[in-house]
Protein backbone atom coordinates (compact mmCIF):
# COMPACT_ATOMS: atom_id res chain seq x y z
CA MET A 1 0.00 0.00 0.00
CA ARG A 2 2.85 2.35 0.97
CA LYS A 3 4.60 1.66 -2.31
CA SER A 4 1.43 2.58 -4.18
CA TYR A 5 1.35 5.99 -2.53
CA MET A 6 4.98 6.61 -3.37
CA LEU A 7 4.41 5.57 -6.95
CA VAL A 8 1.48 7.94 -7.30
CA GLY A 9 3.53 10.86 -5.87
CA PHE A 10 6.42 10.10 -8.18
CA CYS A 11 4.14 10.07 -11.21
CA ALA A 12 2.60 13.39 -10.18
CA ALA A 13 6.00 15.01 -9.88
CA LEU A 14 7.01 13.76 -13.33
CA THR A 15 3.76 15.06 -14.81
CA LEU A 16 4.36 18.56 -13.28
CA ALA A 17 7.92 18.69 -14.53
CA ALA A 18 6.87 17.71 -18.00
CA TYR A 19 4.20 20.39 -17.97
CA LEU A 20 6.66 23.13 -16.96
CA LEU A 21 9.13 22.07 -19.62
CA LEU A 22 6.45 22.23 -22.27
CA ARG A 23 5.58 25.82 -21.11
CA GLY A 24 9.21 26.91 -21.24
CA ASP A 25 9.30 28.19 -17.59
CA PRO A 26 12.59 27.61 -15.75
CA ILE A 27 12.47 25.30 -12.84
CA GLU A 28 13.24 27.29 -9.68
CA LYS A 29 16.40 26.16 -8.02
CA PHE A 30 16.05 26.25 -4.24
CA PRO A 31 19.23 27.31 -2.38
CA PRO A 32 20.77 25.03 0.11
CA GLU A 33 19.50 25.39 3.67
CA ALA A 34 21.16 28.40 5.43
CA THR A 35 23.31 27.93 8.45
CA ALA A 36 22.14 29.22 11.84
CA SER A 37 24.61 32.17 11.81
CA GLU A 38 23.60 33.21 8.30
CA ALA A 39 19.94 33.10 9.28
CA THR A 40 20.58 35.35 12.27
CA ALA A 41 22.47 37.91 10.15
CA ALA A 42 19.73 37.95 7.55
CA ALA A 43 17.09 38.48 10.17
CA LYS A 44 19.07 41.41 11.67
CA SER A 45 19.54 43.01 8.23
CA SER A 46 15.86 42.66 7.50
CA ALA A 47 14.93 44.27 10.79
CA GLU A 48 17.28 47.20 10.22
CA SER A 49 15.91 47.74 6.72
CA SER A 50 12.40 47.76 8.10
CA VAL A 51 13.21 50.42 10.71
CA GLY A 52 14.99 52.55 8.12
CA ALA A 53 11.94 52.48 5.94
CA VAL A 54 9.71 53.86 8.68
CA SER A 55 9.22 57.63 8.55
CA ALA A 56 10.16 59.82 11.48
CA ALA A 57 6.49 60.57 12.10
CA GLN A 58 5.84 56.85 12.63
CA LEU A 59 8.62 56.43 15.21
CA PRO A 60 7.57 56.70 18.86
CA ALA A 61 8.04 60.18 20.33
CA GLU A 62 11.12 60.62 22.52
CA SER A 63 10.31 60.97 26.15
CA ALA A 64 10.65 64.57 27.40
CA ALA A 65 12.44 63.30 30.46
CA ALA A 66 15.04 61.59 28.27
CA ARG A 67 15.92 64.76 26.36
CA PRO A 68 18.70 66.87 27.90
CA ALA A 69 17.58 70.32 29.10
CA VAL A 70 18.79 73.17 26.90
CA ALA A 71 19.99 76.15 28.93
CA THR A 72 18.46 79.46 27.89
CA PRO A 73 21.13 82.18 27.80
CA THR A 74 20.40 84.98 30.26
CA VAL A 75 21.95 88.39 30.76
CA SER A 76 22.83 89.37 34.32
CA ALA A 77 21.45 92.60 35.76
CA PRO A 78 24.93 94.25 35.93
CA ALA A 79 25.70 93.26 32.33
CA ARG A 80 22.39 94.65 31.10
CA PHE A 81 23.01 97.84 33.07
CA ARG A 82 26.41 98.37 31.44
CA SER A 83 25.07 97.65 27.98
CA LEU A 84 22.16 100.07 28.33
CA ARG A 85 24.41 102.70 29.89
CA GLN A 86 26.47 102.70 26.70
CA CYS A 87 23.31 102.94 24.60
CA PHE A 88 21.95 105.76 26.76
CA HIS A 89 25.10 107.87 26.47
CA ALA A 90 25.40 107.12 22.75
CA ALA A 91 21.85 108.40 22.24
CA ALA A 92 22.74 111.49 24.28
CA ASP A 93 25.89 112.13 22.23
CA LEU A 94 23.97 111.76 18.99
CA GLY A 95 21.30 114.18 20.16
CA ASN A 96 23.88 116.73 21.29
CA ALA A 97 25.82 116.42 18.03
CA LYS A 98 22.73 117.29 16.04
CA SER A 99 22.25 120.44 18.11
CA VAL A 100 25.77 121.75 17.46
CA GLY A 101 25.63 124.91 15.36
CA ASP A 102 27.02 125.23 11.86
CA CYS A 103 30.51 126.78 11.76
CA LYS A 104 29.76 128.55 8.49
CA VAL A 105 28.43 131.51 10.44
CA TYR A 106 32.06 132.36 11.31
CA GLU A 107 33.56 131.50 7.94
CA GLY A 108 35.39 134.33 6.14
CA ARG A 109 35.01 136.78 9.06
CA GLN A 110 38.37 137.82 10.44
CA GLU A 111 36.96 139.07 13.73
CA PHE A 112 35.66 135.55 14.39
CA GLU A 113 38.77 133.72 13.22
CA ARG A 114 39.45 132.22 16.62
CA ALA A 115 35.83 131.28 17.17
CA TYR A 116 35.79 129.68 13.72
CA ALA A 117 38.86 127.56 14.53
CA GLU A 118 37.41 126.47 17.85
CA CYS A 119 34.10 125.65 16.18
CA LEU A 120 35.82 123.51 13.56
CA ASN A 121 37.80 121.64 16.20
CA GLY A 122 34.66 121.09 18.21
CA TRP A 123 32.75 119.97 15.13
CA ARG A 124 35.45 117.43 14.24
CA ASP A 125 35.26 116.07 17.77
CA TRP A 126 31.48 115.85 17.59
CA ARG A 127 31.66 114.25 14.16
CA ASN A 128 33.89 111.51 15.58
CA ARG A 129 31.60 111.11 18.58
CA THR A 130 28.60 110.95 16.27
CA ALA A 131 30.17 108.13 14.26
CA ALA A 132 30.99 106.24 17.45
CA ALA A 133 27.48 106.85 18.80
CA GLU A 134 25.84 105.61 15.60
CA LYS A 135 27.97 102.45 15.69
CA THR A 136 26.99 101.79 19.31
CA LEU A 137 23.31 102.46 18.67
CA SER A 138 23.31 100.07 15.72
CA GLU A 139 23.79 97.27 18.23
CA CYS A 140 21.28 98.56 20.80
CA GLY A 141 18.02 97.61 19.15
CA ASP A 142 14.98 99.79 19.84
CA VAL A 143 16.06 102.90 21.78
CA THR A 144 12.82 104.88 21.59
CA ASP A 145 12.44 104.58 25.37
CA ILE A 146 16.14 104.27 26.23
CA GLU A 147 15.82 106.53 29.27
CA LYS A 148 13.24 104.23 30.85
CA GLN A 149 15.18 101.10 29.91
CA TYR A 150 18.37 102.53 31.38
CA TYR A 151 16.64 103.56 34.60
CA GLU A 152 15.08 100.14 35.11
CA ALA A 153 18.35 98.34 34.33
CA THR A 154 20.28 100.59 36.73
CA ARG A 155 17.71 100.07 39.46
CA ALA A 156 17.83 96.28 39.05
CA ALA A 157 21.65 96.13 38.99
CA ALA A 158 21.85 98.38 42.05
CA LYS A 159 19.56 96.00 43.92
CA ALA A 160 21.81 93.14 42.79
CA GLY A 161 24.73 94.87 44.54
CA ASP A 162 26.65 96.34 41.58
CA PRO A 163 28.71 99.32 42.92
CA ASP A 164 28.66 101.31 39.67
CA ALA A 165 24.91 100.86 39.28
CA GLN A 166 24.37 102.01 42.86
CA LEU A 167 26.31 105.23 42.23
CA CYS A 168 24.44 105.84 38.97
CA TYR A 169 21.15 105.21 40.75
CA LEU A 170 22.07 107.65 43.53
CA ALA A 171 23.02 110.30 40.95
CA PHE A 172 19.65 109.64 39.28
CA ASP A 173 20.71 111.08 35.94
CA PHE A 174 18.43 109.36 33.45
CA SER A 175 17.71 112.22 31.07
CA PHE A 176 19.92 113.52 28.27
CA HIS A 177 17.78 116.54 27.45
CA GLY A 178 19.79 118.99 29.53
CA HIS A 179 17.64 119.02 32.66
CA LEU A 180 17.56 117.14 35.94
CA THR A 181 15.62 113.92 36.02
CA PRO A 182 12.44 114.48 38.02
CA ILE A 183 11.81 112.12 40.91
CA ALA A 184 8.55 111.87 42.82
CA GLY A 185 5.89 109.47 44.01
CA ALA A 186 6.77 105.79 44.28
CA GLU A 187 10.19 106.37 42.71
CA LEU A 188 11.08 108.93 45.36
CA ALA A 189 9.80 106.67 48.14
CA GLU A 190 11.98 103.79 46.93
CA TYR A 191 14.95 106.11 46.39
CA THR A 192 14.68 107.41 49.94
CA GLU A 193 14.36 103.87 51.32
CA VAL A 194 17.31 102.18 49.59
CA SER A 195 19.74 105.08 49.28
CA PRO A 196 21.18 104.95 52.83
CA THR A 197 22.30 101.37 52.19
CA TYR A 198 24.03 102.35 48.93
CA VAL A 199 25.69 105.39 50.53
CA ASP A 200 26.99 103.36 53.45
CA ALA A 201 28.33 100.63 51.15
CA ALA A 202 30.14 103.20 48.98
CA ILE A 203 31.81 104.88 51.95
CA LYS A 204 32.89 101.55 53.42
CA ARG A 205 34.59 100.52 50.18
CA GLY A 206 36.43 103.86 50.00
CA ASP A 207 34.61 105.20 46.94
CA TRP A 208 35.46 108.86 46.30
CA ARG A 209 32.43 109.21 44.05
CA ILE A 210 29.95 109.09 46.91
CA ALA A 211 31.82 111.80 48.81
CA TYR A 212 31.79 114.05 45.77
CA LEU A 213 28.13 113.33 45.04
CA LEU A 214 27.17 114.41 48.55
CA THR A 215 28.85 117.79 48.04
CA GLN A 216 26.28 118.69 45.37
CA ARG A 217 23.82 121.40 46.33
CA SER A 218 21.10 120.48 43.84
CA GLY A 219 19.48 117.46 42.25
CA PRO A 220 18.06 114.22 43.67
CA SER A 221 21.20 113.60 45.73
CA THR A 222 20.14 116.41 48.07
CA ARG A 223 17.64 113.89 49.43
CA LEU A 224 20.42 111.54 50.48
CA ASN A 225 20.87 111.61 54.24
CA GLN A 226 20.53 115.42 54.27
CA GLY A 227 22.80 115.63 51.25
CA GLY A 228 23.35 119.16 50.01
CA ARG A 229 23.05 120.72 53.45
CA PRO A 230 26.05 122.88 54.44
CA GLU A 231 27.21 120.62 57.28
CA ILE A 232 27.11 117.52 55.01
CA VAL A 233 28.85 119.38 52.18
CA TYR A 234 31.54 120.42 54.66
CA ARG A 235 32.07 116.85 55.92
CA MET A 236 32.31 115.38 52.45
CA SER A 237 34.55 118.16 51.16
CA LYS A 238 36.83 117.63 54.13
CA LEU A 239 36.93 113.90 53.43
CA LEU A 240 37.81 114.58 49.80
CA ARG A 241 40.52 117.01 50.90
CA HIS A 242 42.31 114.25 52.81
CA GLY A 243 42.83 112.37 49.54
CA ALA A 244 43.15 115.24 47.06
CA SER A 245 46.16 116.90 45.51
CA GLY A 246 46.97 119.57 42.96
CA ASP A 247 44.32 121.95 41.67
CA PHE A 248 41.52 119.82 43.04
CA ALA A 249 42.94 120.19 46.55
CA LYS A 250 43.06 123.98 46.08
CA PHE A 251 39.45 123.99 44.92
CA LEU A 252 38.41 122.06 48.03
CA ASP A 253 40.32 124.48 50.27
CA TYR A 254 38.40 127.34 48.72
CA LYS A 255 35.10 125.51 49.17
CA LEU A 256 35.79 124.68 52.82
CA ASN A 257 36.79 128.27 53.51
CA SER A 258 33.63 129.59 51.86
CA LEU A 259 31.53 127.35 54.11
CA ALA A 260 33.34 128.63 57.17
CA HIS A 261 33.41 132.29 56.07
CA PRO A 262 30.78 132.98 53.39
CA ASP A 263 31.26 136.42 51.83
CA LEU A 264 27.71 137.11 50.75
CA LYS A 265 26.01 135.73 53.86
CA PRO A 266 28.21 135.96 56.93
CA GLU A 267 25.31 134.74 59.05
CA ALA A 268 25.32 131.50 57.08
CA ALA A 269 28.77 130.53 58.35
CA LEU A 270 28.95 127.08 59.89
CA PRO A 271 29.26 127.12 63.67
CA PRO A 272 32.71 126.13 64.97
CA LYS A 273 31.21 123.11 66.74
CA VAL A 274 29.73 121.77 63.49
CA MET A 275 33.04 122.19 61.68
CA LYS A 276 34.95 120.51 64.50
CA GLU A 277 32.59 117.53 64.40
CA GLY A 278 32.94 117.45 60.60
CA ASP A 279 36.73 117.49 60.82
CA ALA A 280 36.73 114.59 63.29
CA TRP A 281 34.29 112.56 61.17
CA ALA A 282 36.28 113.14 57.97
CA GLU A 283 39.58 112.17 59.56
CA GLU A 284 38.20 109.01 61.14
CA THR A 285 36.38 107.97 57.95
CA TYR A 286 39.48 108.59 55.84
CA ASN A 287 41.72 106.57 58.16
CA THR A 288 39.22 103.71 58.34
CA TYR A 289 38.14 103.36 54.70
CA TYR A 290 40.13 105.66 52.38
CA SER A 291 43.72 105.73 53.54
CA GLY A 292 44.76 103.01 51.09
CA VAL A 293 42.82 104.47 48.15
CA PRO A 294 44.80 106.36 45.44
CA VAL A 295 44.72 110.15 45.71
CA ILE A 296 42.46 112.15 43.41
CA THR A 297 43.59 115.10 41.32
CA GLU A 298 40.22 116.06 39.83
CA PRO A 299 36.53 115.67 40.63
CA PRO A 300 35.57 112.00 40.20
CA THR A 301 33.03 111.11 37.56
CA ILE A 302 29.93 109.80 39.30
CA CYS A 303 28.65 107.52 36.56
CA ASP A 304 31.27 106.50 33.99
CA HIS A 305 30.30 105.12 30.59
């Protein structure tokens, strides 16, 4: 029986082969069985090809936790203050340059020869400053409200402890239109509240700028710990005198003498007791905080740029 089945299968195979030969189709040649290692490699290749064919949209989204955090660059308050200070003064220089008169009014007039030469020299200087200002402003972005931006940046940097920003804030010079910056309301309340801390810090680091600022008789600084009052002006001038030399020392001597012996108002002379207390304070403060600070030969600039 088994032989019959085998015979039938053999006959069927011969019949199929004969049929294919008559059609002209090639008989497929099956490759030899692959080894185990070859099968593994083929499977891996097939899997990689399949993944490569999948679009990025079809791949599973990467977990947010797995992605490294990208740090957002930030600008510190002191750095922003310094940047906007440059922009503020560049805008001021540009505005002042545009207001400089034309030198042609003196041209060809012998009686104004000297004025003409001085005007030309001044114009060349302003032309150079204008070019520098325009270059600076080209990197400043929108400067339509530069005064407000500069004030806010100075205020923030002062709160962050930047010494230069604190002096600029105390000077409160945020207008380049030729007049004092007004201060009132909430701004004045904050100014009055934080200023004593800034003044004390400046004195304790031996900063000549705060002493000079407190000798001013006008402006917002007159609100600083009785700044601008004769006895405070005397103390600060005396402190400055301990570290001054040259013409600046002579100027301070004149100022101290005028406070002690005013020509126009003799009744306004400081009482000897007040001057004695001022002398003692200035000497002690100089010895404690300023004795190692370089001498000054001219009035210090309150807010450099």
